[in-house]
Amino acid sequence: MTYIRRLRIARASLAAVAGLVALNTSGLAQQPGSQPWRHAIIEPKGDAGFQVMAMRAGFTVKEGVKLELTHFQNDVIALRALFAGEIDSYEGGTATAMMAAARNADLKIIGCHWQTVVHSVFARAEFNSPNDLKGKTLAISAPNATPDLIARAYLAQNNVPAAQVKFASLGNDPERFKAMLAGLALATVISIEFVPIAEPAGIKLVAGGGDVMPNYLRLCTVTTGKVLAARRADAIRFLAAQMQGYRYALAHPDEETRITREITGMKPDDPRPEFIFKEAARPDTGVDPTMPIPMHKLEWLQGELLKIGTLAQPLELSRLVDTDVRAQALARAGVQ
């Protein structure tokens, strides 16, 4: 697994709950969770505490899940790992999964916890209008990943032909932010958590992702039909642990931001963890521990992808979801 890097915090978390694991080893040996569940996340940012809270707060142990966390720069790479059988699930935007499913990929969305995209358009101080992007560099993470789709939607809404803009894959969010600072790109699409540090650095927020694509789900959990056929009980336990972790994180902001700083190395005076936590706590657009699968948002996204030509033809969206796993996970988790 050359492109998989283990989360440092995953190892630390496992060590932290080692005592609990030891107490439950005899029971777990006969549980469906005896085989590790390998889950991938996008590279940790200001909301990293949410990503690992199921493990950190002991809910994976409670549910009998041996969780292994890996992280990737974007969900396009995570999808490749899923196809290669190197992971069992990943969390990412819905567009990547939808485009693959349109080509008959055996993918299943089993829950969506962050209800609105937070990736937004930022630009250098000299940016005055969308037309300024013609002939200039716009930094993305990878083609067809969420930042790329947000960028293309922004250009289309402002009648700027994408063919007249230079798209450049310049790394993760912090790396793309630095690329703007260095003048390597006029604009980029990064998490809105950069707002508190952008203006002092001469960078401005141009358009919020939630304004550009208001129905774009930020993070959903994706697996395959093959995995569910072989390990359905494990998937239910994993999702139940995640639901409880998200609920716990929302109720414990100080703990969530402390874990985020531990994982990312953000300094105590860096305002990003607290800023993005407030975004996560918004009832209608932030983190929903019940992990719904809003079909109307998937239908909207499909329409947008058809408009910009990313999808050649519509697909039957019911093939892309498995609502039963979520229903059983909700029952286990007791999350309302």
Foldseek 3Di string as FASTA:
>chain_A
DVQWDFFPVLVVLCVVCVVLCVVCVVVLVPPLQPDAAEEEEEPADLQVLLVCLLSNVCLCSVLSHRYTYIYHNFVLVVVVCQVVVNHFKYKFWPQSLQLVVLVVAQKAFAFFFFFWAQWAKKFFLVDDDLVVQFQFEEEDQDPRTPFNLLVVLVCVVRVHDPVRGHYDNQTHQVRVLVCRLVVVGGMYIHGPLCCVVQVVSRMDTDTGSCVSQVRTGGITMMGGPVSCVVRVSNLLSVLLSSLLSNVVCLVDVVVSSVVSCVRPVDDPPRCSNVVVSVVQNDVPRHTDSLRDDPVVSVVVVQVVCCVVVSRVDHDDCVSHYDHVSSVSSCVVNVGD
